[in-house]
Amino acid sequence: MSASMSEFFFRTDFFVVQCRKNFVGGVRVGFTASRRVGNAVVRNRCKRRLRELARQLLPLYGRESCDFVFIAKKSLFSAKWAELQDACTYALKNISSKVTK
């Protein structure tokens, strides 16, 4: 990684969002849930929830020409949907403000 590439991240109680400018254009998204989150069923549900959050909120709060990675935490599995939406909205707004500076 060169020194000119900036990486931004934001931690919530349920997940971490990482963002890095890309030179390809467009928005690219990745999702991950390690074994620490739980068994395969739990990890898959967490990734599905993250995918749906990204589908709903990245068009509103994401930045063009950025790569986003969502990393699940254990608490994501049992969190209420409204809490996840609020946390994701806050995280994406925070990252977007840093990327534009």
C-alpha atoms as a PDB file:
ATOM      1  CA  MET A   1       0.000   0.000   0.000  1.00  0.00           C
ATOM      2  CA  SER A   2       1.383   3.372  -0.939  1.00  0.00           C
ATOM      3  CA  ALA A   3       1.418   6.260   1.501  1.00  0.00           C
ATOM      4  CA  SER A   4      -1.023   8.250  -0.637  1.00  0.00           C
ATOM      5  CA  MET A   5      -3.834   5.702  -0.299  1.00  0.00           C
ATOM      6  CA  SER A   6      -6.071   6.512   2.630  1.00  0.00           C
ATOM      7  CA  GLU A   7      -8.056   3.935   4.523  1.00  0.00           C
ATOM      8  CA  PHE A   8     -10.902   4.896   6.817  1.00  0.00           C
ATOM      9  CA  PHE A   9     -12.815   2.742   9.234  1.00  0.00           C
ATOM     10  CA  PHE A  10     -15.573   3.030  11.777  1.00  0.00           C
ATOM     11  CA  ARG A  11     -16.362   0.612  14.594  1.00  0.00           C
ATOM     12  CA  THR A  12     -19.883   0.020  15.850  1.00  0.00           C
ATOM     13  CA  ASP A  13     -21.172  -2.409  18.459  1.00  0.00           C
ATOM     14  CA  PHE A  14     -22.246  -4.785  15.679  1.00  0.00           C
ATOM     15  CA  PHE A  15     -19.683  -4.491  12.886  1.00  0.00           C
ATOM     16  CA  VAL A  16     -16.693  -2.598  11.521  1.00  0.00           C
ATOM     17  CA  VAL A  17     -16.820  -0.706   8.215  1.00  0.00           C
ATOM     18  CA  GLN A  18     -13.597  -0.120   6.308  1.00  0.00           C
ATOM     19  CA  CYS A  19     -13.375   2.209   3.322  1.00  0.00           C
ATOM     20  CA  ARG A  20     -10.605   2.845   0.835  1.00  0.00           C
ATOM     21  CA  LYS A  21     -10.606   4.952  -2.319  1.00  0.00           C
ATOM     22  CA  ASN A  22     -10.290   2.904  -5.499  1.00  0.00           C
ATOM     23  CA  PHE A  23      -9.176   3.949  -8.950  1.00  0.00           C
ATOM     24  CA  VAL A  24     -11.541   1.630 -10.797  1.00  0.00           C
ATOM     25  CA  GLY A  25     -14.626   3.754 -10.249  1.00  0.00           C
ATOM     26  CA  GLY A  26     -17.906   2.656  -8.791  1.00  0.00           C
ATOM     27  CA  VAL A  27     -18.587   1.240  -5.369  1.00  0.00           C
ATOM     28  CA  ARG A  28     -17.305  -2.208  -4.464  1.00  0.00           C
ATOM     29  CA  VAL A  29     -18.390  -4.025  -1.315  1.00  0.00           C
ATOM     30  CA  GLY A  30     -17.120  -7.024   0.645  1.00  0.00           C
ATOM     31  CA  PHE A  31     -18.439  -8.858   3.691  1.00  0.00           C
ATOM     32  CA  THR A  32     -16.690 -11.060   6.208  1.00  0.00           C
ATOM     33  CA  ALA A  33     -17.537 -12.961   9.369  1.00  0.00           C
ATOM     34  CA  SER A  34     -14.813 -14.962  11.084  1.00  0.00           C
ATOM     35  CA  ARG A  35     -15.263 -18.128  13.112  1.00  0.00           C
ATOM     36  CA  ARG A  36     -15.251 -16.007  16.258  1.00  0.00           C
ATOM     37  CA  VAL A  37     -18.718 -14.770  15.258  1.00  0.00           C
ATOM     38  CA  GLY A  38     -20.159 -18.288  15.447  1.00  0.00           C
ATOM     39  CA  ASN A  39     -20.812 -21.426  13.459  1.00  0.00           C
ATOM     40  CA  ALA A  40     -21.576 -21.442   9.721  1.00  0.00           C
ATOM     41  CA  VAL A  41     -25.299 -20.753  10.211  1.00  0.00           C
ATOM     42  CA  VAL A  42     -24.593 -17.707  12.386  1.00  0.00           C
ATOM     43  CA  ARG A  43     -21.863 -16.388  10.059  1.00  0.00           C
ATOM     44  CA  ASN A  44     -24.094 -16.734   7.008  1.00  0.00           C
ATOM     45  CA  ARG A  45     -26.986 -14.929   8.689  1.00  0.00           C
ATOM     46  CA  CYS A  46     -24.656 -12.127   9.753  1.00  0.00           C
ATOM     47  CA  LYS A  47     -23.378 -11.720   6.196  1.00  0.00           C
ATOM     48  CA  ARG A  48     -26.934 -11.704   4.824  1.00  0.00           C
ATOM     49  CA  ARG A  49     -27.846  -8.948   7.275  1.00  0.00           C
ATOM     50  CA  LEU A  50     -24.762  -6.943   6.279  1.00  0.00           C
ATOM     51  CA  ARG A  51     -25.559  -7.400   2.576  1.00  0.00           C
ATOM     52  CA  GLU A  52     -29.074  -6.061   3.096  1.00  0.00           C
ATOM     53  CA  LEU A  53     -27.777  -3.073   5.085  1.00  0.00           C
ATOM     54  CA  ALA A  54     -25.313  -2.272   2.314  1.00  0.00           C
ATOM     55  CA  ARG A  55     -27.983  -2.689  -0.372  1.00  0.00           C
ATOM     56  CA  GLN A  56     -30.265  -0.227   1.402  1.00  0.00           C
ATOM     57  CA  LEU A  57     -27.794   2.346   2.705  1.00  0.00           C
ATOM     58  CA  LEU A  58     -24.746   2.511   0.427  1.00  0.00           C
ATOM     59  CA  PRO A  59     -26.686   4.192  -2.408  1.00  0.00           C
ATOM     60  CA  LEU A  60     -27.699   6.901   0.080  1.00  0.00           C
ATOM     61  CA  TYR A  61     -24.520   7.388   2.134  1.00  0.00           C
ATOM     62  CA  GLY A  62     -21.707   5.630   0.274  1.00  0.00           C
ATOM     63  CA  ARG A  63     -19.082   7.442  -1.777  1.00  0.00           C
ATOM     64  CA  GLU A  64     -18.357   6.852  -5.444  1.00  0.00           C
ATOM     65  CA  SER A  65     -14.956   5.283  -6.235  1.00  0.00           C
ATOM     66  CA  CYS A  66     -14.681   3.634  -2.820  1.00  0.00           C
ATOM     67  CA  ASP A  67     -14.319   0.057  -1.642  1.00  0.00           C
ATOM     68  CA  PHE A  68     -16.240  -0.878   1.508  1.00  0.00           C
ATOM     69  CA  VAL A  69     -15.654  -3.926   3.689  1.00  0.00           C
ATOM     70  CA  PHE A  70     -18.125  -4.868   6.421  1.00  0.00           C
ATOM     71  CA  ILE A  71     -16.724  -7.073   9.202  1.00  0.00           C
ATOM     72  CA  ALA A  72     -19.285  -8.760  11.452  1.00  0.00           C
ATOM     73  CA  LYS A  73     -19.062  -8.916  15.234  1.00  0.00           C
ATOM     74  CA  LYS A  74     -20.783 -11.475  17.465  1.00  0.00           C
ATOM     75  CA  SER A  75     -23.510  -9.067  18.557  1.00  0.00           C
ATOM     76  CA  LEU A  76     -24.709  -8.600  14.956  1.00  0.00           C
ATOM     77  CA  PHE A  77     -26.552 -11.924  14.990  1.00  0.00           C
ATOM     78  CA  SER A  78     -29.022 -10.978  17.729  1.00  0.00           C
ATOM     79  CA  ALA A  79     -29.288  -7.220  17.134  1.00  0.00           C
ATOM     80  CA  LYS A  80     -32.587  -5.588  16.246  1.00  0.00           C
ATOM     81  CA  TRP A  81     -32.875  -4.447  12.645  1.00  0.00           C
ATOM     82  CA  ALA A  82     -33.548  -0.805  13.565  1.00  0.00           C
ATOM     83  CA  GLU A  83     -30.378  -0.716  15.670  1.00  0.00           C
ATOM     84  CA  LEU A  84     -28.370  -2.078  12.756  1.00  0.00           C
ATOM     85  CA  GLN A  85     -29.798   0.486  10.354  1.00  0.00           C
ATOM     86  CA  ASP A  86     -29.029   3.339  12.740  1.00  0.00           C
ATOM     87  CA  ALA A  87     -25.487   2.091  13.357  1.00  0.00           C
ATOM     88  CA  CYS A  88     -24.810   1.603   9.650  1.00  0.00           C
ATOM     89  CA  THR A  89     -26.223   5.015   8.727  1.00  0.00           C
ATOM     90  CA  TYR A  90     -24.082   6.692  11.371  1.00  0.00           C
ATOM     91  CA  ALA A  91     -20.965   4.772  10.297  1.00  0.00           C
ATOM     92  CA  LEU A  92     -21.394   5.525   6.597  1.00  0.00           C
ATOM     93  CA  LYS A  93     -22.064   9.230   7.228  1.00  0.00           C
ATOM     94  CA  ASN A  94     -18.967   9.404   9.412  1.00  0.00           C
ATOM     95  CA  ILE A  95     -16.778   7.677   6.822  1.00  0.00           C
ATOM     96  CA  SER A  96     -18.205   9.759   3.979  1.00  0.00           C
ATOM     97  CA  SER A  97     -17.304  12.970   5.777  1.00  0.00           C
ATOM     98  CA  LYS A  98     -13.714  11.739   6.215  1.00  0.00           C
ATOM     99  CA  VAL A  99     -13.360  10.611   2.598  1.00  0.00           C
ATOM    100  CA  THR A 100     -14.451  13.963   1.199  1.00  0.00           C
ATOM    101  CA  LYS A 101     -11.907  15.943   3.255  1.00  0.00           C
END
